[in-house]
Structure formats: C-alpha cells, structure tokens
N, C-alpha and C. Protein backbone atom coordinates (compact mmCIF):
# COMPACT_ATOMS: atom_id res chain seq x y z
N MET A 1 -25.68 61.48 -37.25
CA MET A 1 -24.43 61.15 -36.60
C MET A 1 -23.44 60.67 -37.67
N ARG A 2 -22.19 61.06 -37.53
CA ARG A 2 -21.14 60.63 -38.45
C ARG A 2 -19.94 60.20 -37.63
N GLN A 3 -19.57 58.93 -37.73
CA GLN A 3 -18.41 58.40 -37.03
C GLN A 3 -17.58 57.60 -38.02
N SER A 4 -16.33 57.37 -37.65
CA SER A 4 -15.47 56.52 -38.47
C SER A 4 -14.40 55.91 -37.58
N ILE A 5 -13.84 54.80 -38.04
CA ILE A 5 -12.71 54.21 -37.35
C ILE A 5 -11.47 54.93 -37.86
N LEU A 6 -10.75 55.56 -36.96
CA LEU A 6 -9.62 56.38 -37.34
C LEU A 6 -8.34 55.55 -37.53
N HIS A 7 -7.97 54.77 -36.50
CA HIS A 7 -6.75 53.97 -36.55
C HIS A 7 -7.07 52.53 -36.17
N ILE A 8 -6.28 51.62 -36.68
CA ILE A 8 -6.23 50.25 -36.19
C ILE A 8 -4.80 50.03 -35.71
N ALA A 9 -4.65 49.61 -34.45
CA ALA A 9 -3.32 49.37 -33.90
C ALA A 9 -2.81 48.02 -34.38
N LEU A 10 -1.61 48.02 -34.91
CA LEU A 10 -0.95 46.80 -35.36
C LEU A 10 0.31 46.65 -34.53
N VAL A 11 0.38 45.59 -33.73
CA VAL A 11 1.53 45.37 -32.86
C VAL A 11 2.71 44.92 -33.71
N VAL A 12 3.83 45.65 -33.55
CA VAL A 12 5.04 45.37 -34.33
C VAL A 12 6.22 45.16 -33.39
N ARG A 13 7.26 44.52 -33.90
CA ARG A 13 8.47 44.27 -33.11
C ARG A 13 9.35 45.52 -33.05
N ASP A 14 9.42 46.24 -34.17
CA ASP A 14 10.33 47.37 -34.27
C ASP A 14 9.72 48.43 -35.18
N TYR A 15 9.73 49.66 -34.73
CA TYR A 15 9.13 50.74 -35.53
C TYR A 15 9.77 50.87 -36.91
N ASP A 16 11.08 50.94 -36.94
CA ASP A 16 11.76 51.23 -38.20
C ASP A 16 11.61 50.12 -39.23
N GLU A 17 11.69 48.84 -38.80
CA GLU A 17 11.51 47.76 -39.77
C GLU A 17 10.07 47.73 -40.28
N ALA A 18 9.11 48.07 -39.43
CA ALA A 18 7.71 48.11 -39.86
C ALA A 18 7.48 49.27 -40.83
N ILE A 19 8.04 50.44 -40.52
CA ILE A 19 7.93 51.58 -41.43
C ILE A 19 8.53 51.23 -42.78
N GLU A 20 9.69 50.62 -42.78
CA GLU A 20 10.34 50.25 -44.04
C GLU A 20 9.46 49.29 -44.85
N PHE A 21 8.91 48.28 -44.19
CA PHE A 21 8.06 47.32 -44.90
C PHE A 21 6.84 48.01 -45.52
N TYR A 22 6.12 48.76 -44.71
CA TYR A 22 4.88 49.36 -45.21
C TYR A 22 5.12 50.45 -46.25
N THR A 23 6.17 51.23 -46.09
CA THR A 23 6.41 52.30 -47.07
C THR A 23 7.14 51.80 -48.31
N GLN A 24 8.06 50.86 -48.17
CA GLN A 24 8.85 50.40 -49.31
C GLN A 24 8.19 49.25 -50.06
N LYS A 25 7.62 48.30 -49.35
CA LYS A 25 7.03 47.11 -49.99
C LYS A 25 5.58 47.34 -50.42
N LEU A 26 4.81 48.05 -49.60
CA LEU A 26 3.39 48.25 -49.91
C LEU A 26 3.07 49.66 -50.39
N HIS A 27 4.07 50.54 -50.45
CA HIS A 27 3.90 51.93 -50.91
C HIS A 27 3.00 52.76 -50.01
N PHE A 28 2.83 52.37 -48.75
CA PHE A 28 2.05 53.18 -47.82
C PHE A 28 2.77 54.50 -47.59
N GLN A 29 2.01 55.48 -47.16
CA GLN A 29 2.57 56.79 -46.82
C GLN A 29 2.79 56.85 -45.31
N LEU A 30 3.92 57.39 -44.91
CA LEU A 30 4.17 57.63 -43.49
C LEU A 30 3.47 58.94 -43.15
N ILE A 31 2.43 58.87 -42.36
CA ILE A 31 1.62 60.04 -42.01
C ILE A 31 2.21 60.76 -40.80
N GLU A 32 2.66 59.99 -39.82
CA GLU A 32 3.20 60.60 -38.60
C GLU A 32 4.20 59.66 -37.95
N ASP A 33 5.25 60.24 -37.41
CA ASP A 33 6.24 59.51 -36.61
C ASP A 33 6.72 60.48 -35.54
N THR A 34 6.05 60.45 -34.41
CA THR A 34 6.31 61.41 -33.34
C THR A 34 6.75 60.68 -32.07
N TYR A 35 7.88 61.08 -31.53
CA TYR A 35 8.36 60.50 -30.28
C TYR A 35 7.56 61.08 -29.12
N GLN A 36 7.15 60.22 -28.20
CA GLN A 36 6.41 60.63 -27.02
C GLN A 36 7.28 60.33 -25.79
N PRO A 37 8.09 61.31 -25.36
CA PRO A 37 9.07 61.05 -24.31
C PRO A 37 8.46 60.61 -22.98
N GLU A 38 7.28 61.10 -22.64
CA GLU A 38 6.67 60.73 -21.36
C GLU A 38 6.35 59.25 -21.28
N GLN A 39 6.17 58.61 -22.44
CA GLN A 39 5.90 57.16 -22.46
C GLN A 39 7.03 56.38 -23.13
N ASP A 40 8.06 57.07 -23.56
CA ASP A 40 9.19 56.47 -24.27
C ASP A 40 8.72 55.55 -25.40
N LYS A 41 7.86 56.10 -26.25
CA LYS A 41 7.39 55.37 -27.41
C LYS A 41 7.17 56.34 -28.55
N ARG A 42 6.90 55.80 -29.71
CA ARG A 42 6.63 56.63 -30.88
C ARG A 42 5.18 56.41 -31.31
N TRP A 43 4.61 57.46 -31.85
CA TRP A 43 3.27 57.43 -32.45
C TRP A 43 3.51 57.38 -33.95
N VAL A 44 3.37 56.17 -34.54
CA VAL A 44 3.70 55.96 -35.94
C VAL A 44 2.44 55.55 -36.68
N VAL A 45 2.07 56.36 -37.68
CA VAL A 45 0.84 56.13 -38.44
C VAL A 45 1.19 56.03 -39.92
N VAL A 46 0.67 54.98 -40.58
CA VAL A 46 0.85 54.80 -42.01
C VAL A 46 -0.51 54.60 -42.66
N SER A 47 -0.54 54.85 -43.98
CA SER A 47 -1.80 54.78 -44.71
C SER A 47 -1.53 54.33 -46.14
N PRO A 48 -2.44 53.53 -46.72
CA PRO A 48 -2.29 53.16 -48.12
C PRO A 48 -2.29 54.40 -49.02
N PRO A 49 -1.64 54.32 -50.17
CA PRO A 49 -1.60 55.49 -51.06
C PRO A 49 -3.00 55.89 -51.52
N GLY A 50 -3.28 57.17 -51.45
CA GLY A 50 -4.56 57.68 -51.92
C GLY A 50 -5.72 57.47 -50.97
N SER A 51 -5.47 56.90 -49.81
CA SER A 51 -6.55 56.62 -48.87
C SER A 51 -6.83 57.81 -47.97
N ALA A 52 -8.10 58.05 -47.71
CA ALA A 52 -8.49 59.08 -46.75
C ALA A 52 -9.25 58.45 -45.59
N GLY A 53 -9.16 57.11 -45.50
CA GLY A 53 -9.91 56.39 -44.48
C GLY A 53 -9.05 55.97 -43.30
N THR A 54 -9.35 54.83 -42.78
CA THR A 54 -8.68 54.28 -41.62
C THR A 54 -7.18 54.14 -41.86
N THR A 55 -6.38 54.43 -40.85
CA THR A 55 -4.94 54.30 -40.93
C THR A 55 -4.46 53.21 -39.97
N LEU A 56 -3.21 52.78 -40.15
CA LEU A 56 -2.60 51.82 -39.24
C LEU A 56 -1.70 52.56 -38.26
N LEU A 57 -1.89 52.29 -37.00
CA LEU A 57 -1.01 52.77 -35.95
C LEU A 57 -0.03 51.64 -35.66
N LEU A 58 1.23 51.83 -36.01
CA LEU A 58 2.24 50.81 -35.77
C LEU A 58 2.69 50.93 -34.32
N ALA A 59 2.27 49.99 -33.50
CA ALA A 59 2.48 50.05 -32.05
C ALA A 59 3.50 48.99 -31.63
N ARG A 60 4.68 49.44 -31.23
CA ARG A 60 5.73 48.50 -30.81
C ARG A 60 5.30 47.79 -29.53
N ALA A 61 5.47 46.48 -29.53
CA ALA A 61 5.18 45.69 -28.33
C ALA A 61 6.08 46.18 -27.20
N SER A 62 5.48 46.48 -26.07
CA SER A 62 6.26 47.01 -24.95
C SER A 62 6.27 46.07 -23.74
N LYS A 63 5.54 44.95 -23.83
CA LYS A 63 5.47 43.98 -22.75
C LYS A 63 5.55 42.57 -23.35
N PRO A 64 6.05 41.61 -22.59
CA PRO A 64 6.13 40.24 -23.12
C PRO A 64 4.78 39.70 -23.60
N GLU A 65 3.71 40.02 -22.91
CA GLU A 65 2.39 39.52 -23.33
C GLU A 65 1.94 40.13 -24.66
N GLN A 66 2.43 41.31 -24.99
CA GLN A 66 2.13 41.91 -26.30
C GLN A 66 2.98 41.27 -27.39
N GLU A 67 4.21 40.91 -27.08
CA GLU A 67 5.09 40.30 -28.06
C GLU A 67 4.51 39.01 -28.63
N ALA A 68 3.76 38.29 -27.82
CA ALA A 68 3.16 37.03 -28.27
C ALA A 68 2.16 37.23 -29.41
N PHE A 69 1.66 38.45 -29.59
CA PHE A 69 0.66 38.71 -30.63
C PHE A 69 1.24 39.29 -31.91
N ILE A 70 2.54 39.54 -31.93
CA ILE A 70 3.16 40.04 -33.15
C ILE A 70 3.00 38.97 -34.23
N GLY A 71 2.36 39.33 -35.32
CA GLY A 71 2.16 38.40 -36.43
C GLY A 71 0.97 37.48 -36.28
N ASN A 72 0.25 37.58 -35.17
CA ASN A 72 -0.91 36.70 -34.97
C ASN A 72 -2.01 37.45 -34.24
N GLN A 73 -2.30 38.65 -34.71
CA GLN A 73 -3.28 39.48 -34.02
C GLN A 73 -4.70 38.98 -34.16
N SER A 74 -4.94 38.09 -35.11
CA SER A 74 -6.32 37.63 -35.32
C SER A 74 -6.43 36.11 -35.24
N GLY A 75 -5.49 35.49 -34.55
CA GLY A 75 -5.57 34.04 -34.35
C GLY A 75 -5.44 33.23 -35.63
N GLY A 76 -4.70 33.74 -36.60
CA GLY A 76 -4.48 33.01 -37.85
C GLY A 76 -5.47 33.31 -38.96
N ARG A 77 -6.46 34.13 -38.68
CA ARG A 77 -7.42 34.54 -39.72
C ARG A 77 -6.87 35.75 -40.47
N VAL A 78 -7.44 35.99 -41.64
CA VAL A 78 -7.10 37.24 -42.33
C VAL A 78 -7.48 38.38 -41.40
N PHE A 79 -6.54 39.32 -41.23
CA PHE A 79 -6.72 40.39 -40.26
C PHE A 79 -7.09 41.71 -40.92
N LEU A 80 -6.44 42.04 -42.02
CA LEU A 80 -6.66 43.33 -42.65
C LEU A 80 -6.97 43.13 -44.13
N PHE A 81 -7.68 44.08 -44.71
CA PHE A 81 -8.19 43.97 -46.07
C PHE A 81 -7.77 45.22 -46.85
N LEU A 82 -6.88 45.03 -47.82
CA LEU A 82 -6.37 46.14 -48.61
C LEU A 82 -7.10 46.17 -49.94
N ASN A 83 -7.96 47.15 -50.11
CA ASN A 83 -8.75 47.30 -51.33
C ASN A 83 -7.95 48.12 -52.34
N THR A 84 -8.03 47.74 -53.61
CA THR A 84 -7.29 48.43 -54.65
C THR A 84 -8.18 48.70 -55.85
N ASP A 85 -7.78 49.69 -56.65
CA ASP A 85 -8.50 49.98 -57.88
C ASP A 85 -7.93 49.20 -59.06
N ASP A 86 -6.82 48.49 -58.86
CA ASP A 86 -6.20 47.70 -59.93
C ASP A 86 -5.49 46.51 -59.31
N PHE A 87 -6.20 45.41 -59.19
CA PHE A 87 -5.69 44.22 -58.52
C PHE A 87 -4.38 43.74 -59.14
N TRP A 88 -4.37 43.53 -60.45
CA TRP A 88 -3.20 42.93 -61.09
C TRP A 88 -1.98 43.84 -61.03
N ARG A 89 -2.15 45.14 -61.12
CA ARG A 89 -1.03 46.07 -60.97
C ARG A 89 -0.38 45.88 -59.61
N ASP A 90 -1.22 45.89 -58.57
CA ASP A 90 -0.70 45.81 -57.21
C ASP A 90 -0.18 44.41 -56.89
N TYR A 91 -0.88 43.38 -57.33
CA TYR A 91 -0.42 42.00 -57.11
C TYR A 91 0.96 41.80 -57.73
N ASP A 92 1.10 42.16 -59.00
CA ASP A 92 2.39 41.97 -59.68
C ASP A 92 3.50 42.77 -59.01
N ASP A 93 3.20 44.00 -58.59
CA ASP A 93 4.19 44.83 -57.91
C ASP A 93 4.59 44.20 -56.58
N MET A 94 3.62 43.71 -55.84
CA MET A 94 3.92 43.11 -54.53
C MET A 94 4.76 41.85 -54.69
N VAL A 95 4.43 41.03 -55.67
CA VAL A 95 5.23 39.82 -55.93
C VAL A 95 6.66 40.21 -56.28
N SER A 96 6.82 41.25 -57.11
CA SER A 96 8.16 41.68 -57.52
C SER A 96 8.96 42.23 -56.34
N ARG A 97 8.28 42.68 -55.30
CA ARG A 97 8.95 43.23 -54.11
C ARG A 97 9.12 42.18 -53.01
N GLY A 98 8.80 40.94 -53.33
CA GLY A 98 9.04 39.86 -52.38
C GLY A 98 7.95 39.60 -51.38
N ILE A 99 6.77 40.17 -51.59
CA ILE A 99 5.64 39.89 -50.70
C ILE A 99 5.22 38.44 -50.90
N LYS A 100 5.03 37.73 -49.79
CA LYS A 100 4.65 36.31 -49.85
C LYS A 100 3.13 36.17 -49.88
N PHE A 101 2.63 35.62 -50.98
CA PHE A 101 1.21 35.31 -51.08
C PHE A 101 0.99 33.87 -50.65
N VAL A 102 0.05 33.67 -49.75
CA VAL A 102 -0.23 32.33 -49.22
C VAL A 102 -1.48 31.72 -49.85
N ARG A 103 -2.25 32.55 -50.55
CA ARG A 103 -3.38 32.07 -51.36
C ARG A 103 -3.35 32.81 -52.67
N ASN A 104 -3.37 32.06 -53.75
CA ASN A 104 -3.28 32.63 -55.09
C ASN A 104 -4.51 33.46 -55.43
N PRO A 105 -4.38 34.36 -56.40
CA PRO A 105 -5.52 35.17 -56.84
C PRO A 105 -6.69 34.28 -57.26
N LYS A 106 -7.87 34.75 -56.89
CA LYS A 106 -9.08 33.99 -57.19
C LYS A 106 -10.22 34.96 -57.45
N LYS A 107 -11.02 34.63 -58.44
CA LYS A 107 -12.23 35.41 -58.73
C LYS A 107 -13.34 34.89 -57.85
N GLU A 108 -13.91 35.78 -57.06
CA GLU A 108 -15.04 35.45 -56.18
C GLU A 108 -16.25 36.25 -56.62
N ALA A 109 -17.39 35.97 -56.05
CA ALA A 109 -18.62 36.68 -56.41
C ALA A 109 -18.49 38.18 -56.15
N TYR A 110 -17.70 38.57 -55.16
CA TYR A 110 -17.54 39.98 -54.79
C TYR A 110 -16.40 40.68 -55.51
N GLY A 111 -15.48 39.90 -56.14
CA GLY A 111 -14.35 40.51 -56.84
C GLY A 111 -13.13 39.61 -56.85
N LEU A 112 -11.96 40.19 -57.08
CA LEU A 112 -10.70 39.46 -57.09
C LEU A 112 -10.07 39.53 -55.70
N VAL A 113 -9.43 38.41 -55.27
CA VAL A 113 -8.82 38.37 -53.95
C VAL A 113 -7.61 37.44 -53.96
N ALA A 114 -6.61 37.79 -53.19
CA ALA A 114 -5.46 36.94 -52.88
C ALA A 114 -5.03 37.28 -51.46
N VAL A 115 -4.43 36.31 -50.77
CA VAL A 115 -4.03 36.52 -49.38
C VAL A 115 -2.51 36.58 -49.30
N PHE A 116 -2.01 37.62 -48.62
CA PHE A 116 -0.57 37.76 -48.43
C PHE A 116 -0.24 37.96 -46.95
N GLU A 117 1.06 37.78 -46.65
CA GLU A 117 1.55 37.99 -45.30
C GLU A 117 2.32 39.30 -45.22
N ASP A 118 2.18 39.98 -44.08
CA ASP A 118 3.04 41.13 -43.85
C ASP A 118 4.37 40.64 -43.29
N LEU A 119 5.24 41.52 -42.87
CA LEU A 119 6.57 41.13 -42.44
C LEU A 119 6.57 40.27 -41.20
N TYR A 120 5.49 40.26 -40.44
CA TYR A 120 5.43 39.45 -39.23
C TYR A 120 4.56 38.20 -39.38
N GLY A 121 3.87 38.08 -40.51
CA GLY A 121 3.02 36.91 -40.73
C GLY A 121 1.54 37.16 -40.59
N ASN A 122 1.14 38.40 -40.25
CA ASN A 122 -0.30 38.70 -40.25
C ASN A 122 -0.83 38.51 -41.66
N LEU A 123 -2.03 37.97 -41.77
CA LEU A 123 -2.63 37.73 -43.08
C LEU A 123 -3.48 38.92 -43.51
N TRP A 124 -3.35 39.25 -44.78
CA TRP A 124 -4.09 40.34 -45.41
C TRP A 124 -4.77 39.81 -46.66
N ASP A 125 -5.94 40.34 -46.98
CA ASP A 125 -6.54 40.16 -48.30
C ASP A 125 -6.15 41.35 -49.16
N LEU A 126 -5.69 41.07 -50.38
CA LEU A 126 -5.61 42.10 -51.41
C LEU A 126 -6.87 41.93 -52.23
N LEU A 127 -7.66 42.98 -52.34
CA LEU A 127 -8.99 42.89 -52.95
C LEU A 127 -9.20 43.95 -54.02
N GLN A 128 -9.93 43.56 -55.04
CA GLN A 128 -10.54 44.54 -55.93
C GLN A 128 -12.01 44.14 -56.01
N MET A 129 -12.84 44.95 -55.39
CA MET A 129 -14.27 44.65 -55.33
C MET A 129 -14.93 44.93 -56.68
N ASN A 130 -15.93 44.12 -57.02
CA ASN A 130 -16.72 44.38 -58.22
C ASN A 130 -17.38 45.75 -58.11
N ASP A 131 -17.61 46.39 -59.26
CA ASP A 131 -18.24 47.70 -59.27
C ASP A 131 -19.62 47.71 -58.61
N ASP A 132 -20.33 46.58 -58.67
CA ASP A 132 -21.68 46.54 -58.10
C ASP A 132 -21.70 46.12 -56.63
N HIS A 133 -20.54 45.92 -56.03
CA HIS A 133 -20.47 45.55 -54.62
C HIS A 133 -20.83 46.75 -53.74
N PRO A 134 -21.52 46.54 -52.63
CA PRO A 134 -21.90 47.67 -51.75
C PRO A 134 -20.71 48.52 -51.28
N ILE A 135 -19.57 47.93 -51.06
CA ILE A 135 -18.39 48.70 -50.64
C ILE A 135 -17.96 49.65 -51.75
N SER A 136 -17.97 49.18 -52.99
CA SER A 136 -17.60 50.05 -54.12
C SER A 136 -18.56 51.22 -54.23
N ALA A 137 -19.83 50.96 -54.06
CA ALA A 137 -20.83 52.03 -54.12
C ALA A 137 -20.61 53.05 -53.00
N ARG A 138 -20.30 52.56 -51.79
CA ARG A 138 -20.04 53.48 -50.67
C ARG A 138 -18.83 54.37 -50.96
N GLN A 139 -17.78 53.77 -51.54
CA GLN A 139 -16.58 54.55 -51.83
C GLN A 139 -16.86 55.60 -52.91
N ARG A 140 -17.62 55.23 -53.92
CA ARG A 140 -17.96 56.20 -54.96
C ARG A 140 -18.76 57.35 -54.37
N ASN A 141 -19.73 57.03 -53.52
CA ASN A 141 -20.58 58.06 -52.92
C ASN A 141 -19.80 58.97 -51.98
N ALA A 142 -18.76 58.41 -51.35
CA ALA A 142 -17.94 59.21 -50.43
C ALA A 142 -16.83 59.94 -51.17
N GLY A 143 -16.67 59.65 -52.46
CA GLY A 143 -15.63 60.30 -53.24
C GLY A 143 -14.26 59.75 -53.01
N THR A 144 -14.15 58.48 -52.50
CA THR A 144 -12.85 57.89 -52.20
C THR A 144 -12.53 56.73 -53.12
N GLY A 145 -13.23 56.51 -54.16
CA GLY A 145 -12.91 55.36 -55.00
C GLY A 145 -13.31 55.63 -56.35
C-alpha cells in the first residue's frame, strides 16, 4: 500500500494576501488558483520550492467560527515544519524579508531549528535535519532530498 498526505488546509483571511506572503516571503510556488463558482470560493494550493510532497491548501474562512482559527490553528503550538537543505541561507533570507522569528536558531540533537510566524501568527519550525536523522534518510530514499 502507498499513501500520502496530499494537502493541509490552512485557514486564511484573504486569498491574495496569503498568496503574496507565501510566494514572495517564503518563495513558495503557486500550484493552483482556481475559482469554484458553485461554492463561490477559490482552490488555492502552494508548495515550498523543489518540494514534491504535501502542499498547503489556502482556505479562506467562510464562517465566523472559522475566522476564530486564523493564526491559531494548533492552539499556540508549532503547526507546520518547513525542512530545508540550507538552514542559514533560508534563515538569513527570511529575516531580510521581514519574517518574524519568535525563537532563535538552535542546534538540537536532530538538527538546526528556529521558530517563525506566518502572516497570521501560526508558528512554524524552520528545520535542517541532520544527515543521520530518519527523515533525511527517507527523503534520500524517495529522491526528494
């Protein structure tokens, strides 16, 4: 059996401001932006550069109860984990583009990590896993790292 997680829905306030943040600040690629007239919404998918894995579905809040979760989808915990092949390149670039880091870079047993906020305040880890970490081995075996 072979399965994978295709999309993770991220509740956003506005499609265009979210697209701008992810494509301009984080260099994500806009994979799809399709209007769905029957539901009066857009299907907006973005992906980190060079990634062939899980993508983000930018889902505009359409009800007041959804709006309450913008920026707090995980109750204040780190929500998403952005793995990179060059931590310092990406960290320095993100800082230069105004990304707010709420935890400074730190060397951990598994690799380098720092925590940043997206445009709504969701917390992300920027990670570079050690070569001997199981995730790194999985990526090498899958041909994605």
